[in-house]
Amino acid sequence: MGLTKTEAYTAEQNQLADLLKALAHPARIAIVQQLLQKQCCVGKEFSAELPLSQPTISRHLRELKDAGIISGTIEGTSVSYCIAGERWREVQGLVHELFEGYWRSTDCCPGE
């Protein structure tokens, strides 16, 4: 399989692809949903909610944090995670634009 030639795509396309890759795992979706519901969670709380080991949860948290979707603050020996509000609104806008493209297009596939 060949390498993706990211330079052939716009910065927005690459950014959206990276964000969607970061969200493209059911555990990460569950983490984001939990954070949206509770506003903030201590890292250890995720192991009570998810059927995953702590190292696996930590890896998923790192992926979300690297994408800027969540942020973490150290409190003593634990880390509290929250949704990164500004980035989350950016993700929302990019995904919204993608879906809005369908409504602006013409009906090129009759019969659907």
Protein backbone atom coordinates (compact mmCIF):
# COMPACT_ATOMS: atom_id res chain seq x y z
CA MET A 1 0.00 0.00 0.00
CA GLY A 2 1.37 3.40 -0.95
CA LEU A 3 1.89 6.39 1.27
CA THR A 4 -0.75 9.09 1.39
CA LYS A 5 0.49 12.19 -0.41
CA THR A 6 -0.85 14.75 2.04
CA GLU A 7 0.64 17.61 0.05
CA ALA A 8 -1.89 16.83 -2.70
CA TYR A 9 -4.73 17.89 -0.37
CA THR A 10 -5.71 21.21 1.18
CA ALA A 11 -4.68 22.08 4.71
CA GLU A 12 -8.35 21.88 5.73
CA GLN A 13 -8.71 18.37 4.22
CA ASN A 14 -5.60 17.17 6.03
CA GLN A 15 -6.72 18.79 9.28
CA LEU A 16 -10.17 17.20 9.10
CA ALA A 17 -8.67 13.80 8.28
CA ASP A 18 -6.32 14.04 11.29
CA LEU A 19 -9.16 15.03 13.61
CA LEU A 20 -11.41 12.25 12.38
CA LYS A 21 -8.56 9.73 12.78
CA ALA A 22 -8.20 10.83 16.39
CA LEU A 23 -11.92 10.23 16.96
CA ALA A 24 -12.11 7.03 14.90
CA HIS A 25 -12.19 4.53 17.74
CA PRO A 26 -15.19 3.55 19.89
CA ALA A 27 -13.16 3.97 23.10
CA ARG A 28 -12.23 7.53 22.13
CA ILE A 29 -15.85 8.32 21.29
CA ALA A 30 -16.85 6.94 24.71
CA ILE A 31 -14.18 9.08 26.39
CA VAL A 32 -15.34 12.21 24.57
CA GLN A 33 -18.98 11.46 25.42
CA GLN A 34 -18.09 10.99 29.08
CA LEU A 35 -16.17 14.26 29.13
CA LEU A 36 -19.02 16.11 27.41
CA GLN A 37 -21.47 14.72 29.96
CA LYS A 38 -19.38 15.29 33.10
CA GLN A 39 -17.45 18.38 31.92
CA CYS A 40 -14.25 17.00 33.49
CA CYS A 41 -12.95 13.57 34.57
CA VAL A 42 -9.98 12.26 36.48
CA GLY A 43 -8.05 9.75 34.39
CA LYS A 44 -8.75 6.87 36.78
CA GLU A 45 -12.52 7.37 36.40
CA PHE A 46 -12.35 6.14 32.82
CA SER A 47 -11.31 2.63 33.92
CA ALA A 48 -14.54 2.31 35.89
CA GLU A 49 -16.57 3.26 32.81
CA LEU A 50 -14.68 1.50 30.01
CA PRO A 51 -13.84 -2.20 29.69
CA LEU A 52 -10.18 -1.42 28.98
CA SER A 53 -6.94 -1.56 30.91
CA GLN A 54 -5.49 1.67 32.31
CA PRO A 55 -2.54 1.65 29.84
CA THR A 56 -4.97 1.30 26.91
CA ILE A 57 -7.13 4.13 28.22
CA SER A 58 -4.01 6.26 28.65
CA ARG A 59 -3.06 5.62 25.02
CA HIS A 60 -6.51 6.73 23.83
CA LEU A 61 -6.36 9.82 26.06
CA ARG A 62 -2.95 10.67 24.58
CA GLU A 63 -4.32 10.39 21.02
CA LEU A 64 -7.17 12.76 21.86
CA LYS A 65 -4.82 15.14 23.66
CA ASP A 66 -2.31 15.11 20.77
CA ALA A 67 -5.16 16.08 18.42
CA GLY A 68 -6.03 18.94 20.78
CA ILE A 69 -9.54 17.61 21.38
CA ILE A 70 -9.00 17.27 25.13
CA SER A 71 -6.68 18.89 27.62
CA GLY A 72 -5.32 17.54 30.87
CA THR A 73 -4.18 19.14 34.09
CA ILE A 74 -2.09 17.49 36.76
CA GLU A 75 -3.54 17.55 40.25
CA GLY A 76 -1.20 15.84 42.68
CA THR A 77 -0.77 12.29 41.43
CA SER A 78 -3.74 12.29 39.06
CA VAL A 79 -4.63 13.97 35.79
CA SER A 80 -8.01 15.59 35.11
CA TYR A 81 -9.19 15.74 31.52
CA CYS A 82 -11.65 18.15 29.90
CA ILE A 83 -12.87 18.89 26.39
CA ALA A 84 -10.76 21.65 24.81
CA GLY A 85 -13.65 24.01 24.06
CA GLU A 86 -12.13 26.11 21.32
CA ARG A 87 -10.76 23.07 19.47
CA TRP A 88 -14.07 21.22 19.91
CA ARG A 89 -15.92 24.12 18.25
CA GLU A 90 -13.35 23.99 15.44
CA VAL A 91 -13.97 20.24 14.99
CA GLN A 92 -17.70 20.87 15.00
CA GLY A 93 -17.33 23.55 12.32
CA LEU A 94 -15.16 21.40 10.05
CA VAL A 95 -17.50 18.41 10.26
CA HIS A 96 -20.53 20.66 9.77
CA GLU A 97 -18.97 22.12 6.60
CA LEU A 98 -18.34 18.61 5.28
CA PHE A 99 -21.98 17.60 5.78
CA GLU A 100 -23.29 20.94 4.51
CA GLY A 101 -21.58 20.18 1.19
CA TYR A 102 -24.20 17.49 0.57
CA TRP A 103 -27.08 19.93 0.87
CA ARG A 104 -25.42 22.37 -1.52
CA SER A 105 -24.80 19.71 -4.16
CA THR A 106 -27.25 18.85 -6.89
CA ASP A 107 -29.08 15.57 -6.89
CA CYS A 108 -26.74 13.68 -9.20
CA CYS A 109 -27.93 10.21 -8.19
CA PRO A 110 -31.61 9.92 -9.09
CA GLY A 111 -33.48 7.13 -7.43
CA GLU A 112 -31.86 7.47 -4.01
